[in-house]
C-alpha atoms as a PDB file:
ATOM      1  CA  MET A   1      -4.025   9.703  16.688  1.00  0.00           C
ATOM      2  CA  ALA A   2      -1.872   8.895  13.650  1.00  0.00           C
ATOM      3  CA  PRO A   3       1.822   8.296  14.218  1.00  0.00           C
ATOM      4  CA  LEU A   4       4.214  11.088  13.327  1.00  0.00           C
ATOM      5  CA  VAL A   5       5.958   9.912  10.197  1.00  0.00           C
ATOM      6  CA  ILE A   6       7.766  12.154   7.762  1.00  0.00           C
ATOM      7  CA  PHE A   7       7.980  10.551   4.351  1.00  0.00           C
ATOM      8  CA  ARG A   8      10.909  11.380   2.096  1.00  0.00           C
ATOM      9  CA  ASP A   9       9.310  10.238  -1.156  1.00  0.00           C
ATOM     10  CA  ALA A  10       6.142   8.927  -2.782  1.00  0.00           C
ATOM     11  CA  ARG A  11       5.459   6.970  -5.935  1.00  0.00           C
ATOM     12  CA  LEU A  12       2.354   6.035  -7.906  1.00  0.00           C
ATOM     13  CA  ILE A  13       2.677   2.296  -8.432  1.00  0.00           C
ATOM     14  CA  THR A  14       1.145  -0.488 -10.474  1.00  0.00           C
ATOM     15  CA  LYS A  15      -0.168  -3.505  -8.587  1.00  0.00           C
ATOM     16  CA  SER A  16       1.594  -6.767  -9.415  1.00  0.00           C
ATOM     17  CA  ASP A  17       1.403 -10.457  -8.575  1.00  0.00           C
ATOM     18  CA  THR A  18       5.130 -10.894  -9.339  1.00  0.00           C
ATOM     19  CA  VAL A  19       7.032  -7.691  -8.496  1.00  0.00           C
ATOM     20  CA  ASP A  20       7.797  -6.443  -4.974  1.00  0.00           C
ATOM     21  CA  LEU A  21       7.686  -2.777  -3.988  1.00  0.00           C
ATOM     22  CA  PRO A  22      10.835  -0.730  -3.425  1.00  0.00           C
ATOM     23  CA  ALA A  23      12.470  -1.494  -0.065  1.00  0.00           C
ATOM     24  CA  GLY A  24      11.474   0.601   2.916  1.00  0.00           C
ATOM     25  CA  VAL A  25       7.824   1.388   2.155  1.00  0.00           C
ATOM     26  CA  LEU A  26       6.299   2.935   5.301  1.00  0.00           C
ATOM     27  CA  GLY A  27       2.715   3.420   4.134  1.00  0.00           C
ATOM     28  CA  PHE A  28       0.284   3.653   1.242  1.00  0.00           C
ATOM     29  CA  SER A  29      -2.877   5.384   0.084  1.00  0.00           C
ATOM     30  CA  VAL A  30      -5.435   4.943  -2.684  1.00  0.00           C
ATOM     31  CA  GLY A  31      -7.222   7.375  -4.958  1.00  0.00           C
ATOM     32  CA  VAL A  32     -10.363   5.249  -5.362  1.00  0.00           C
ATOM     33  CA  ALA A  33     -11.754   3.108  -2.539  1.00  0.00           C
ATOM     34  CA  GLY A  34     -11.958  -0.671  -2.707  1.00  0.00           C
ATOM     35  CA  ASN A  35     -10.047  -3.674  -1.443  1.00  0.00           C
ATOM     36  CA  ILE A  36      -6.280  -3.977  -1.455  1.00  0.00           C
ATOM     37  CA  ARG A  37      -4.345  -7.186  -1.080  1.00  0.00           C
ATOM     38  CA  VAL A  38      -0.911  -6.654   0.437  1.00  0.00           C
ATOM     39  CA  THR A  39       1.988  -8.610   1.843  1.00  0.00           C
ATOM     40  CA  THR A  40       3.284  -7.015   5.031  1.00  0.00           C
ATOM     41  CA  ILE A  41       6.948  -6.770   5.951  1.00  0.00           C
ATOM     42  CA  ALA A  42       6.281  -9.655   8.390  1.00  0.00           C
ATOM     43  CA  GLY A  43       5.092 -11.831   5.485  1.00  0.00           C
ATOM     44  CA  THR A  44       1.351 -11.693   6.161  1.00  0.00           C
ATOM     45  CA  ASP A  45      -0.846 -11.829   3.037  1.00  0.00           C
ATOM     46  CA  ILE A  46      -4.105  -9.945   3.736  1.00  0.00           C
ATOM     47  CA  VAL A  47      -6.966  -8.218   1.910  1.00  0.00           C
ATOM     48  CA  ILE A  48      -7.908  -4.874   3.516  1.00  0.00           C
ATOM     49  CA  PRO A  49     -10.887  -2.629   2.674  1.00  0.00           C
ATOM     50  CA  VAL A  50      -9.549   0.911   2.147  1.00  0.00           C
ATOM     51  CA  ILE A  51     -11.019   4.352   1.539  1.00  0.00           C
ATOM     52  CA  ALA A  52      -9.609   7.107  -0.637  1.00  0.00           C
ATOM     53  CA  GLY A  53      -7.496   9.896   0.809  1.00  0.00           C
ATOM     54  CA  VAL A  54      -6.277   8.074   3.926  1.00  0.00           C
ATOM     55  CA  VAL A  55      -2.631   7.209   4.508  1.00  0.00           C
ATOM     56  CA  TYR A  56      -2.333   3.686   5.889  1.00  0.00           C
ATOM     57  CA  TYR A  57       0.778   3.363   8.051  1.00  0.00           C
ATOM     58  CA  LEU A  58       1.670  -0.235   7.281  1.00  0.00           C
ATOM     59  CA  GLN A  59       5.019  -1.507   6.055  1.00  0.00           C
ATOM     60  CA  ILE A  60       4.339  -3.621   2.986  1.00  0.00           C
ATOM     61  CA  THR A  61       6.423  -5.433   0.412  1.00  0.00           C
ATOM     62  CA  ARG A  62       3.814  -6.007  -2.298  1.00  0.00           C
ATOM     63  CA  ILE A  63       0.435  -4.803  -3.514  1.00  0.00           C
ATOM     64  CA  TRP A  64      -1.108  -7.715  -5.379  1.00  0.00           C
ATOM     65  CA  SER A  65      -3.064  -7.391  -8.607  1.00  0.00           C
ATOM     66  CA  THR A  66      -5.245 -10.355  -7.616  1.00  0.00           C
ATOM     67  CA  ASN A  67      -8.011  -9.277  -5.180  1.00  0.00           C
ATOM     68  CA  THR A  68      -7.089  -5.563  -5.368  1.00  0.00           C
ATOM     69  CA  THR A  69      -9.973  -3.395  -6.576  1.00  0.00           C
ATOM     70  CA  ALA A  70      -8.772  -0.020  -5.248  1.00  0.00           C
ATOM     71  CA  THR A  71      -6.970   2.194  -7.788  1.00  0.00           C
ATOM     72  CA  GLY A  72      -4.645   5.195  -7.696  1.00  0.00           C
ATOM     73  CA  LEU A  73      -2.123   3.328  -5.541  1.00  0.00           C
ATOM     74  CA  VAL A  74       0.577   5.472  -3.930  1.00  0.00           C
ATOM     75  CA  VAL A  75       3.350   4.189  -1.649  1.00  0.00           C
ATOM     76  CA  TYR A  76       5.384   6.347   0.728  1.00  0.00           C
ATOM     77  CA  TRP A  77       8.871   5.971   2.181  1.00  0.00           C
END
Protein backbone atom coordinates (compact mmCIF):
# COMPACT_ATOMS: atom_id res chain seq x y z
CA MET A 1 0.00 0.00 0.00
CA ALA A 2 1.32 3.45 -0.91
CA PRO A 3 2.02 5.88 1.91
CA LEU A 4 -0.50 8.63 2.54
CA VAL A 5 1.18 11.78 1.32
CA ILE A 6 -0.61 14.97 0.43
CA PHE A 7 1.46 17.06 -1.94
CA ARG A 8 1.09 20.83 -1.88
CA ASP A 9 2.59 21.48 -5.32
CA ALA A 10 3.95 19.89 -8.48
CA ARG A 11 6.28 21.08 -11.19
CA LEU A 12 7.32 19.80 -14.61
CA ILE A 13 11.11 19.91 -14.53
CA THR A 14 14.07 19.65 -16.86
CA LYS A 15 16.73 17.08 -16.02
CA SER A 16 20.16 18.54 -15.29
CA ASP A 17 23.68 17.41 -14.49
CA THR A 18 24.41 20.71 -12.69
CA VAL A 19 21.22 22.05 -11.07
CA ASP A 20 19.54 20.60 -7.97
CA LEU A 21 15.77 20.36 -7.55
CA PRO A 22 13.83 22.70 -5.28
CA ALA A 23 14.20 21.77 -1.60
CA GLY A 24 11.67 19.40 -0.09
CA VAL A 25 10.81 17.16 -3.05
CA LEU A 26 8.78 14.22 -1.71
CA GLY A 27 8.28 12.24 -4.92
CA PHE A 28 8.32 12.20 -8.70
CA SER A 29 6.61 10.70 -11.73
CA VAL A 30 7.30 10.39 -15.45
CA GLY A 31 5.11 10.74 -18.51
CA VAL A 32 7.12 8.30 -20.66
CA ALA A 33 8.78 5.20 -19.21
CA GLY A 34 12.53 4.67 -19.18
CA ASN A 35 15.42 4.98 -16.77
CA ILE A 36 15.91 7.86 -14.37
CA ARG A 37 19.13 8.71 -12.62
CA VAL A 38 18.57 10.48 -9.31
CA THR A 39 20.46 11.60 -6.24
CA THR A 40 18.50 10.81 -3.09
CA ILE A 41 18.32 13.09 -0.07
CA ALA A 42 20.81 10.70 1.60
CA GLY A 43 23.30 11.32 -1.23
CA THR A 44 22.88 8.03 -3.09
CA ASP A 45 23.33 8.26 -6.88
CA ILE A 46 21.21 5.55 -8.55
CA VAL A 47 19.61 4.70 -11.90
CA ILE A 48 16.03 3.39 -11.51
CA PRO A 49 13.78 1.90 -14.22
CA VAL A 50 10.42 3.70 -14.04
CA ILE A 51 7.02 3.38 -15.69
CA ALA A 52 4.67 6.17 -16.68
CA GLY A 53 1.82 7.25 -14.44
CA VAL A 54 3.25 6.02 -11.13
CA VAL A 55 4.21 8.36 -8.30
CA TYR A 56 7.52 7.28 -6.79
CA TYR A 57 7.70 8.30 -3.13
CA LEU A 58 11.41 9.01 -2.89
CA GLN A 59 13.00 12.20 -1.61
CA ILE A 60 15.48 13.32 -4.25
CA THR A 61 17.73 16.31 -4.77
CA ARG A 62 18.54 15.91 -8.47
CA ILE A 63 17.35 14.22 -11.64
CA TRP A 64 20.41 13.82 -13.83
CA SER A 65 20.43 14.37 -17.58
CA THR A 66 23.12 11.70 -17.98
CA ASN A 67 21.58 8.18 -17.94
CA THR A 68 17.98 9.47 -17.78
CA THR A 69 15.85 8.27 -20.70
CA ALA A 70 12.39 8.80 -19.17
CA THR A 71 10.64 12.05 -20.14
CA GLY A 72 7.78 14.16 -18.82
CA LEU A 73 9.45 14.53 -15.42
CA VAL A 74 7.25 15.88 -12.63
CA VAL A 75 8.34 16.43 -9.02
CA TYR A 76 5.98 16.79 -6.07
CA TRP A 77 6.33 18.53 -2.71
